[in-house]
């Protein structure tokens, strides 16, 4: 089989594993859908949010941010937990001992994360379109697609870069959930950003989640990005995170259990 065929085969296998894992499905799909319905219902009749001189409806605020939440769950949280679990149980070591190239194994993870992220984005966009009247135009849908693809790739690289620091299967889940909750919170995923002090928003801006959320927000409502549908500067921050994490992962990622 050619390398692309092997990557597709590996990605299909990883997607089947994901589909059969209730924990993974809950983190990546059920939670964003549930939160979108809850927040959308709570703020349905609320006044528009005021952000840096512009106003945005609660529906248009939460739809892209729940997409980013699901994206981060698929490409970062779930992948990180899966990598640690496979490494500590010896599955990565056995895979590495096969003739299959590491490029195929890693690419399979990235492709499966991309497919999961796109699926989540489609589902949440449809809910936003039908239930909350969030109707981005053609350019907006293209910008949202770009944000999802770039974000999933960058967050997958971050998952590989962080995996050497998580030594225990038991600690991987709680630690990942705790850290991601904090990062998502200060990035304006759960509550409007205008409730945060300016310095905290500046801290969140150098992390990957808030720039990704800003890019997704601009795709839905360009007025939040000075009328521009594509938030290139924010996507650039996400790309830098992905490149730096990828370089670090090449140097530090290990296929062996931490005890060896």
C-alpha atoms as a PDB file:
ATOM      1  CA  UNK A   1       0.000   0.000   0.000  1.00  0.00           C
ATOM      2  CA  UNK A   2       1.127   3.545  -0.704  1.00  0.00           C
ATOM      3  CA  UNK A   3       1.710   5.999   2.125  1.00  0.00           C
ATOM      4  CA  UNK A   4      -1.519   7.964   1.455  1.00  0.00           C
ATOM      5  CA  UNK A   5      -3.490   4.698   1.442  1.00  0.00           C
ATOM      6  CA  UNK A   6      -1.925   3.668   4.742  1.00  0.00           C
ATOM      7  CA  UNK A   7      -2.751   7.061   6.256  1.00  0.00           C
ATOM      8  CA  UNK A   8      -6.391   6.733   5.189  1.00  0.00           C
ATOM      9  CA  UNK A   9      -6.498   3.180   6.573  1.00  0.00           C
ATOM     10  CA  UNK A  10      -5.002   4.309   9.900  1.00  0.00           C
ATOM     11  CA  UNK A  11      -7.359   7.277  10.126  1.00  0.00           C
ATOM     12  CA  UNK A  12     -10.380   5.048   9.505  1.00  0.00           C
ATOM     13  CA  UNK A  13      -9.247   2.759  12.304  1.00  0.00           C
ATOM     14  CA  UNK A  14      -8.741   5.697  14.707  1.00  0.00           C
ATOM     15  CA  UNK A  15     -12.172   7.090  13.812  1.00  0.00           C
ATOM     16  CA  UNK A  16     -13.798   3.731  14.563  1.00  0.00           C
ATOM     17  CA  UNK A  17     -12.094   3.681  17.952  1.00  0.00           C
ATOM     18  CA  UNK A  18     -13.281   7.228  18.580  1.00  0.00           C
ATOM     19  CA  UNK A  19     -16.864   6.393  17.580  1.00  0.00           C
ATOM     20  CA  UNK A  20     -16.930   3.448  20.010  1.00  0.00           C
ATOM     21  CA  UNK A  21     -15.547   5.446  22.955  1.00  0.00           C
ATOM     22  CA  UNK A  22     -18.369   7.116  24.925  1.00  0.00           C
ATOM     23  CA  UNK A  23     -15.903   9.324  26.819  1.00  0.00           C
ATOM     24  CA  UNK A  24     -14.478  10.708  23.601  1.00  0.00           C
ATOM     25  CA  UNK A  25     -17.905  11.266  22.091  1.00  0.00           C
ATOM     26  CA  UNK A  26     -19.061  13.067  25.220  1.00  0.00           C
ATOM     27  CA  UNK A  27     -16.052  15.399  25.366  1.00  0.00           C
ATOM     28  CA  UNK A  28     -15.982  16.290  21.708  1.00  0.00           C
ATOM     29  CA  UNK A  29     -19.573  16.281  20.464  1.00  0.00           C
ATOM     30  CA  UNK A  30     -22.185  15.911  23.192  1.00  0.00           C
ATOM     31  CA  UNK A  31     -20.722  18.609  25.471  1.00  0.00           C
ATOM     32  CA  UNK A  32     -20.536  21.417  22.856  1.00  0.00           C
ATOM     33  CA  UNK A  33     -24.042  20.611  21.600  1.00  0.00           C
ATOM     34  CA  UNK A  34     -25.416  20.568  25.150  1.00  0.00           C
ATOM     35  CA  UNK A  35     -23.698  23.842  26.081  1.00  0.00           C
ATOM     36  CA  UNK A  36     -24.849  25.521  22.869  1.00  0.00           C
ATOM     37  CA  UNK A  37     -28.450  24.567  23.602  1.00  0.00           C
ATOM     38  CA  UNK A  38     -28.153  25.669  27.240  1.00  0.00           C
ATOM     39  CA  UNK A  39     -26.420  28.994  26.573  1.00  0.00           C
ATOM     40  CA  UNK A  40     -28.604  29.649  23.546  1.00  0.00           C
ATOM     41  CA  UNK A  41     -31.733  29.109  25.626  1.00  0.00           C
ATOM     42  CA  UNK A  42     -30.511  31.157  28.587  1.00  0.00           C
ATOM     43  CA  UNK A  43     -29.433  34.170  26.523  1.00  0.00           C
ATOM     44  CA  UNK A  44     -32.128  33.914  23.839  1.00  0.00           C
ATOM     45  CA  UNK A  45     -33.874  37.077  24.976  1.00  0.00           C
ATOM     46  CA  UNK A  46     -30.811  38.770  26.465  1.00  0.00           C
ATOM     47  CA  UNK A  47     -29.418  42.068  25.223  1.00  0.00           C
ATOM     48  CA  UNK A  48     -26.591  41.912  22.644  1.00  0.00           C
ATOM     49  CA  UNK A  49     -23.092  41.586  24.094  1.00  0.00           C
ATOM     50  CA  UNK A  50     -20.834  44.624  23.776  1.00  0.00           C
ATOM     51  CA  UNK A  51     -17.252  43.843  22.779  1.00  0.00           C
ATOM     52  CA  UNK A  52     -14.619  46.509  21.986  1.00  0.00           C
ATOM     53  CA  UNK A  53     -17.086  48.937  20.482  1.00  0.00           C
ATOM     54  CA  UNK A  54     -19.254  46.476  18.577  1.00  0.00           C
ATOM     55  CA  UNK A  55     -22.347  44.532  19.549  1.00  0.00           C
ATOM     56  CA  UNK A  56     -23.071  40.890  18.844  1.00  0.00           C
ATOM     57  CA  UNK A  57     -26.108  38.748  19.565  1.00  0.00           C
ATOM     58  CA  UNK A  58     -25.662  35.947  22.116  1.00  0.00           C
ATOM     59  CA  UNK A  59     -26.467  33.353  19.448  1.00  0.00           C
ATOM     60  CA  UNK A  60     -23.790  34.634  17.073  1.00  0.00           C
ATOM     61  CA  UNK A  61     -21.376  34.729  20.017  1.00  0.00           C
ATOM     62  CA  UNK A  62     -21.852  31.185  21.247  1.00  0.00           C
ATOM     63  CA  UNK A  63     -22.165  29.217  18.000  1.00  0.00           C
ATOM     64  CA  UNK A  64     -18.544  29.770  16.867  1.00  0.00           C
ATOM     65  CA  UNK A  65     -17.214  29.404  20.389  1.00  0.00           C
ATOM     66  CA  UNK A  66     -18.915  26.057  20.869  1.00  0.00           C
ATOM     67  CA  UNK A  67     -17.404  24.981  17.546  1.00  0.00           C
ATOM     68  CA  UNK A  68     -13.981  25.887  18.946  1.00  0.00           C
ATOM     69  CA  UNK A  69     -14.799  24.025  22.166  1.00  0.00           C
ATOM     70  CA  UNK A  70     -15.609  20.864  20.205  1.00  0.00           C
ATOM     71  CA  UNK A  71     -12.571  21.366  17.999  1.00  0.00           C
ATOM     72  CA  UNK A  72     -10.282  21.643  21.021  1.00  0.00           C
ATOM     73  CA  UNK A  73     -11.888  18.555  22.532  1.00  0.00           C
ATOM     74  CA  UNK A  74     -11.262  16.472  19.417  1.00  0.00           C
ATOM     75  CA  UNK A  75      -7.817  17.692  18.395  1.00  0.00           C
ATOM     76  CA  UNK A  76      -6.251  18.436  21.778  1.00  0.00           C
ATOM     77  CA  UNK A  77      -7.999  16.948  24.817  1.00  0.00           C
ATOM     78  CA  UNK A  78      -9.085  13.636  23.334  1.00  0.00           C
ATOM     79  CA  UNK A  79      -5.882  13.153  21.321  1.00  0.00           C
ATOM     80  CA  UNK A  80      -3.668  13.939  24.311  1.00  0.00           C
ATOM     81  CA  UNK A  81      -5.502  11.476  26.560  1.00  0.00           C
ATOM     82  CA  UNK A  82      -5.419   8.833  23.822  1.00  0.00           C
ATOM     83  CA  UNK A  83      -1.683   9.301  23.210  1.00  0.00           C
ATOM     84  CA  UNK A  84      -0.839   8.950  26.903  1.00  0.00           C
ATOM     85  CA  UNK A  85      -3.058   5.881  27.224  1.00  0.00           C
ATOM     86  CA  UNK A  86      -1.508   4.188  24.177  1.00  0.00           C
ATOM     87  CA  UNK A  87       2.011   5.050  25.313  1.00  0.00           C
ATOM     88  CA  UNK A  88       1.621   3.802  28.882  1.00  0.00           C
ATOM     89  CA  UNK A  89      -0.100   0.560  27.824  1.00  0.00           C
ATOM     90  CA  UNK A  90       2.656  -0.163  25.311  1.00  0.00           C
ATOM     91  CA  UNK A  91       0.456   0.249  22.236  1.00  0.00           C
ATOM     92  CA  UNK A  92       2.640   2.997  20.777  1.00  0.00           C
ATOM     93  CA  UNK A  93       5.767   0.911  21.334  1.00  0.00           C
ATOM     94  CA  UNK A  94       4.210  -2.059  19.515  1.00  0.00           C
ATOM     95  CA  UNK A  95       3.043   0.175  16.662  1.00  0.00           C
ATOM     96  CA  UNK A  96       6.514   1.660  16.330  1.00  0.00           C
ATOM     97  CA  UNK A  97       7.988  -1.843  16.114  1.00  0.00           C
ATOM     98  CA  UNK A  98       5.950  -2.578  12.986  1.00  0.00           C
ATOM     99  CA  UNK A  99       7.152  -1.708   9.465  1.00  0.00           C
ATOM    100  CA  UNK A 100       4.574   1.098   9.307  1.00  0.00           C
ATOM    101  CA  UNK A 101       6.236   4.515   9.130  1.00  0.00           C
ATOM    102  CA  UNK A 102       5.802   6.906  12.065  1.00  0.00           C
ATOM    103  CA  UNK A 103       4.584   9.458   9.517  1.00  0.00           C
ATOM    104  CA  UNK A 104       1.619   7.180   8.766  1.00  0.00           C
ATOM    105  CA  UNK A 105       0.760   6.686  12.439  1.00  0.00           C
ATOM    106  CA  UNK A 106       0.994  10.390  13.291  1.00  0.00           C
ATOM    107  CA  UNK A 107      -0.798  11.469  10.116  1.00  0.00           C
ATOM    108  CA  UNK A 108      -3.591   9.037  10.931  1.00  0.00           C
ATOM    109  CA  UNK A 109      -4.099  10.800  14.268  1.00  0.00           C
ATOM    110  CA  UNK A 110      -4.111  14.219  12.627  1.00  0.00           C
ATOM    111  CA  UNK A 111      -6.507  13.184   9.860  1.00  0.00           C
ATOM    112  CA  UNK A 112      -8.911  11.593  12.337  1.00  0.00           C
ATOM    113  CA  UNK A 113      -8.772  14.774  14.464  1.00  0.00           C
ATOM    114  CA  UNK A 114      -9.496  16.863  11.364  1.00  0.00           C
ATOM    115  CA  UNK A 115     -12.475  14.688  10.392  1.00  0.00           C
ATOM    116  CA  UNK A 116     -13.845  14.796  13.947  1.00  0.00           C
ATOM    117  CA  UNK A 117     -13.418  18.573  14.106  1.00  0.00           C
ATOM    118  CA  UNK A 118     -15.125  19.099  10.750  1.00  0.00           C
ATOM    119  CA  UNK A 119     -17.998  16.829  11.789  1.00  0.00           C
ATOM    120  CA  UNK A 120     -18.476  18.786  14.999  1.00  0.00           C
ATOM    121  CA  UNK A 121     -18.317  22.086  13.119  1.00  0.00           C
ATOM    122  CA  UNK A 122     -20.947  20.918  10.628  1.00  0.00           C
ATOM    123  CA  UNK A 123     -23.297  19.666  13.344  1.00  0.00           C
ATOM    124  CA  UNK A 124     -23.019  22.844  15.431  1.00  0.00           C
ATOM    125  CA  UNK A 125     -23.289  25.084  12.367  1.00  0.00           C
ATOM    126  CA  UNK A 126     -26.499  23.318  11.354  1.00  0.00           C
ATOM    127  CA  UNK A 127     -27.895  23.740  14.868  1.00  0.00           C
ATOM    128  CA  UNK A 128     -26.920  27.409  14.804  1.00  0.00           C
ATOM    129  CA  UNK A 129     -28.477  27.856  11.361  1.00  0.00           C
ATOM    130  CA  UNK A 130     -31.772  26.126  12.170  1.00  0.00           C
ATOM    131  CA  UNK A 131     -32.304  26.865  15.858  1.00  0.00           C
ATOM    132  CA  UNK A 132     -30.509  30.172  16.447  1.00  0.00           C
ATOM    133  CA  UNK A 133     -30.693  31.940  13.051  1.00  0.00           C
ATOM    134  CA  UNK A 134     -26.922  32.218  12.702  1.00  0.00           C
ATOM    135  CA  UNK A 135     -26.459  32.421   8.924  1.00  0.00           C
ATOM    136  CA  UNK A 136     -22.879  33.149   7.797  1.00  0.00           C
ATOM    137  CA  UNK A 137     -22.417  33.878   4.105  1.00  0.00           C
ATOM    138  CA  UNK A 138     -20.331  31.942   1.633  1.00  0.00           C
ATOM    139  CA  UNK A 139     -17.121  33.752   2.585  1.00  0.00           C
ATOM    140  CA  UNK A 140     -17.972  33.233   6.251  1.00  0.00           C
ATOM    141  CA  UNK A 141     -18.389  29.488   5.776  1.00  0.00           C
ATOM    142  CA  UNK A 142     -15.046  29.350   3.952  1.00  0.00           C
ATOM    143  CA  UNK A 143     -13.361  31.322   6.733  1.00  0.00           C
ATOM    144  CA  UNK A 144     -14.901  29.025   9.336  1.00  0.00           C
ATOM    145  CA  UNK A 145     -13.697  25.970   7.422  1.00  0.00           C
ATOM    146  CA  UNK A 146     -10.186  27.418   7.300  1.00  0.00           C
ATOM    147  CA  UNK A 147     -10.233  28.124  11.036  1.00  0.00           C
ATOM    148  CA  UNK A 148     -11.353  24.565  11.794  1.00  0.00           C
ATOM    149  CA  UNK A 149      -8.730  22.938   9.555  1.00  0.00           C
ATOM    150  CA  UNK A 150      -5.867  25.146  10.772  1.00  0.00           C
ATOM    151  CA  UNK A 151      -6.991  24.873  14.386  1.00  0.00           C
ATOM    152  CA  UNK A 152      -7.282  21.084  14.336  1.00  0.00           C
ATOM    153  CA  UNK A 153      -3.805  20.702  12.832  1.00  0.00           C
ATOM    154  CA  UNK A 154      -2.217  23.107  15.322  1.00  0.00           C
ATOM    155  CA  UNK A 155      -3.954  21.627  18.359  1.00  0.00           C
ATOM    156  CA  UNK A 156      -2.982  18.108  17.257  1.00  0.00           C
ATOM    157  CA  UNK A 157       0.656  19.229  17.220  1.00  0.00           C
ATOM    158  CA  UNK A 158       0.197  20.714  20.699  1.00  0.00           C
ATOM    159  CA  UNK A 159      -1.250  17.405  21.927  1.00  0.00           C
ATOM    160  CA  UNK A 160       1.874  15.585  20.725  1.00  0.00           C
ATOM    161  CA  UNK A 161       4.103  18.238  22.323  1.00  0.00           C
ATOM    162  CA  UNK A 162       2.325  18.002  25.693  1.00  0.00           C
ATOM    163  CA  UNK A 163       2.153  14.201  25.854  1.00  0.00           C
ATOM    164  CA  UNK A 164       5.714  13.726  27.252  1.00  0.00           C
ATOM    165  CA  UNK A 165       4.775  15.826  30.284  1.00  0.00           C
ATOM    166  CA  UNK A 166       1.813  13.612  31.240  1.00  0.00           C
ATOM    167  CA  UNK A 167       3.224  10.473  32.825  1.00  0.00           C
ATOM    168  CA  UNK A 168       0.114   8.654  34.066  1.00  0.00           C
ATOM    169  CA  UNK A 169      -2.991   7.305  32.366  1.00  0.00           C
ATOM    170  CA  UNK A 170      -5.024   7.977  35.513  1.00  0.00           C
ATOM    171  CA  UNK A 171      -3.861  11.578  35.655  1.00  0.00           C
ATOM    172  CA  UNK A 172      -4.221  12.329  31.943  1.00  0.00           C
ATOM    173  CA  UNK A 173      -7.995  12.776  31.952  1.00  0.00           C
ATOM    174  CA  UNK A 174      -8.434  14.963  35.070  1.00  0.00           C
ATOM    175  CA  UNK A 175      -5.346  17.064  34.308  1.00  0.00           C
ATOM    176  CA  UNK A 176      -6.387  17.682  30.712  1.00  0.00           C
ATOM    177  CA  UNK A 177      -9.962  18.563  31.680  1.00  0.00           C
ATOM    178  CA  UNK A 178      -8.769  20.966  34.405  1.00  0.00           C
ATOM    179  CA  UNK A 179      -6.236  22.773  32.198  1.00  0.00           C
ATOM    180  CA  UNK A 180      -8.572  22.989  29.211  1.00  0.00           C
ATOM    181  CA  UNK A 181     -11.421  24.291  31.365  1.00  0.00           C
ATOM    182  CA  UNK A 182      -9.183  27.093  32.654  1.00  0.00           C
ATOM    183  CA  UNK A 183      -7.867  27.976  29.184  1.00  0.00           C
ATOM    184  CA  UNK A 184     -11.353  27.881  27.655  1.00  0.00           C
ATOM    185  CA  UNK A 185     -12.738  30.013  30.470  1.00  0.00           C
ATOM    186  CA  UNK A 186     -10.231  32.858  30.118  1.00  0.00           C
ATOM    187  CA  UNK A 187     -10.582  32.623  26.309  1.00  0.00           C
ATOM    188  CA  UNK A 188     -14.234  33.646  26.455  1.00  0.00           C
ATOM    189  CA  UNK A 189     -15.685  30.278  25.512  1.00  0.00           C
ATOM    190  CA  UNK A 190     -18.168  30.064  28.381  1.00  0.00           C
ATOM    191  CA  UNK A 191     -18.912  33.679  29.310  1.00  0.00           C
ATOM    192  CA  UNK A 192     -18.685  36.965  27.376  1.00  0.00           C
ATOM    193  CA  UNK A 193     -15.195  38.384  27.199  1.00  0.00           C
ATOM    194  CA  UNK A 194     -16.288  41.848  28.300  1.00  0.00           C
ATOM    195  CA  UNK A 195     -16.633  40.444  31.818  1.00  0.00           C
ATOM    196  CA  UNK A 196     -12.869  39.852  32.003  1.00  0.00           C
ATOM    197  CA  UNK A 197     -10.206  42.435  32.897  1.00  0.00           C
ATOM    198  CA  UNK A 198      -8.100  43.648  29.987  1.00  0.00           C
ATOM    199  CA  UNK A 199      -4.898  42.025  31.226  1.00  0.00           C
ATOM    200  CA  UNK A 200      -6.525  38.592  31.381  1.00  0.00           C
ATOM    201  CA  UNK A 201      -7.732  38.938  27.808  1.00  0.00           C
ATOM    202  CA  UNK A 202      -4.196  39.844  26.767  1.00  0.00           C
ATOM    203  CA  UNK A 203      -2.899  36.684  28.443  1.00  0.00           C
ATOM    204  CA  UNK A 204      -5.520  34.587  26.670  1.00  0.00           C
ATOM    205  CA  UNK A 205      -4.624  36.170  23.327  1.00  0.00           C
ATOM    206  CA  UNK A 206      -1.143  34.608  23.342  1.00  0.00           C
ATOM    207  CA  UNK A 207      -2.668  31.154  23.914  1.00  0.00           C
ATOM    208  CA  UNK A 208      -4.146  29.286  20.927  1.00  0.00           C
ATOM    209  CA  UNK A 209      -7.809  29.008  21.960  1.00  0.00           C
ATOM    210  CA  UNK A 210      -8.804  32.685  22.072  1.00  0.00           C
ATOM    211  CA  UNK A 211      -7.262  33.581  18.672  1.00  0.00           C
ATOM    212  CA  UNK A 212      -8.999  30.547  17.208  1.00  0.00           C
ATOM    213  CA  UNK A 213     -12.289  31.653  18.763  1.00  0.00           C
ATOM    214  CA  UNK A 214     -11.780  35.180  17.413  1.00  0.00           C
ATOM    215  CA  UNK A 215     -11.153  33.777  13.917  1.00  0.00           C
ATOM    216  CA  UNK A 216     -14.298  31.646  14.104  1.00  0.00           C
ATOM    217  CA  UNK A 217     -16.232  34.640  15.423  1.00  0.00           C
ATOM    218  CA  UNK A 218     -15.092  36.803  12.510  1.00  0.00           C
ATOM    219  CA  UNK A 219     -16.328  34.136  10.090  1.00  0.00           C
ATOM    220  CA  UNK A 220     -19.801  34.306  11.618  1.00  0.00           C
ATOM    221  CA  UNK A 221     -19.910  38.071  12.175  1.00  0.00           C
ATOM    222  CA  UNK A 222     -17.217  40.083  10.310  1.00  0.00           C
ATOM    223  CA  UNK A 223     -18.140  43.205  12.303  1.00  0.00           C
ATOM    224  CA  UNK A 224     -16.253  41.695  15.240  1.00  0.00           C
ATOM    225  CA  UNK A 225     -13.058  41.846  13.148  1.00  0.00           C
ATOM    226  CA  UNK A 226     -13.412  45.369  11.759  1.00  0.00           C
ATOM    227  CA  UNK A 227     -15.519  44.058   8.901  1.00  0.00           C
ATOM    228  CA  UNK A 228     -13.027  41.392   7.773  1.00  0.00           C
ATOM    229  CA  UNK A 229     -14.258  37.809   7.458  1.00  0.00           C
ATOM    230  CA  UNK A 230     -10.780  36.268   7.636  1.00  0.00           C
ATOM    231  CA  UNK A 231      -8.889  37.012  10.869  1.00  0.00           C
ATOM    232  CA  UNK A 232      -5.419  36.429   9.448  1.00  0.00           C
ATOM    233  CA  UNK A 233      -3.510  37.792  12.428  1.00  0.00           C
ATOM    234  CA  UNK A 234      -5.327  35.493  14.858  1.00  0.00           C
ATOM    235  CA  UNK A 235      -4.932  32.501  12.560  1.00  0.00           C
ATOM    236  CA  UNK A 236      -1.241  33.371  12.381  1.00  0.00           C
ATOM    237  CA  UNK A 237      -0.955  32.989  16.157  1.00  0.00           C
ATOM    238  CA  UNK A 238      -2.565  29.551  15.915  1.00  0.00           C
ATOM    239  CA  UNK A 239      -0.184  28.556  13.100  1.00  0.00           C
ATOM    240  CA  UNK A 240       2.838  29.679  15.149  1.00  0.00           C
ATOM    241  CA  UNK A 241       1.652  27.532  18.051  1.00  0.00           C
ATOM    242  CA  UNK A 242       1.292  24.566  15.707  1.00  0.00           C
ATOM    243  CA  UNK A 243       4.745  24.993  14.174  1.00  0.00           C
ATOM    244  CA  UNK A 244       6.523  25.472  17.512  1.00  0.00           C
ATOM    245  CA  UNK A 245       4.647  22.527  19.051  1.00  0.00           C
ATOM    246  CA  UNK A 246       5.459  20.367  16.033  1.00  0.00           C
ATOM    247  CA  UNK A 247       9.179  21.150  16.266  1.00  0.00           C
ATOM    248  CA  UNK A 248       9.146  20.440  20.000  1.00  0.00           C
ATOM    249  CA  UNK A 249       7.242  17.181  19.492  1.00  0.00           C
ATOM    250  CA  UNK A 250       9.791  15.982  16.925  1.00  0.00           C
ATOM    251  CA  UNK A 251      12.520  16.387  19.559  1.00  0.00           C
ATOM    252  CA  UNK A 252      10.699  15.195  22.691  1.00  0.00           C
ATOM    253  CA  UNK A 253       7.843  12.870  21.734  1.00  0.00           C
ATOM    254  CA  UNK A 254       8.431   9.310  22.880  1.00  0.00           C
ATOM    255  CA  UNK A 255       6.854   6.020  21.882  1.00  0.00           C
ATOM    256  CA  UNK A 256       7.948   4.259  25.070  1.00  0.00           C
ATOM    257  CA  UNK A 257       6.104   4.071  28.410  1.00  0.00           C
ATOM    258  CA  UNK A 258       7.372   6.573  30.972  1.00  0.00           C
ATOM    259  CA  UNK A 259       8.726   3.749  33.162  1.00  0.00           C
ATOM    260  CA  UNK A 260      11.214   2.702  30.474  1.00  0.00           C
END
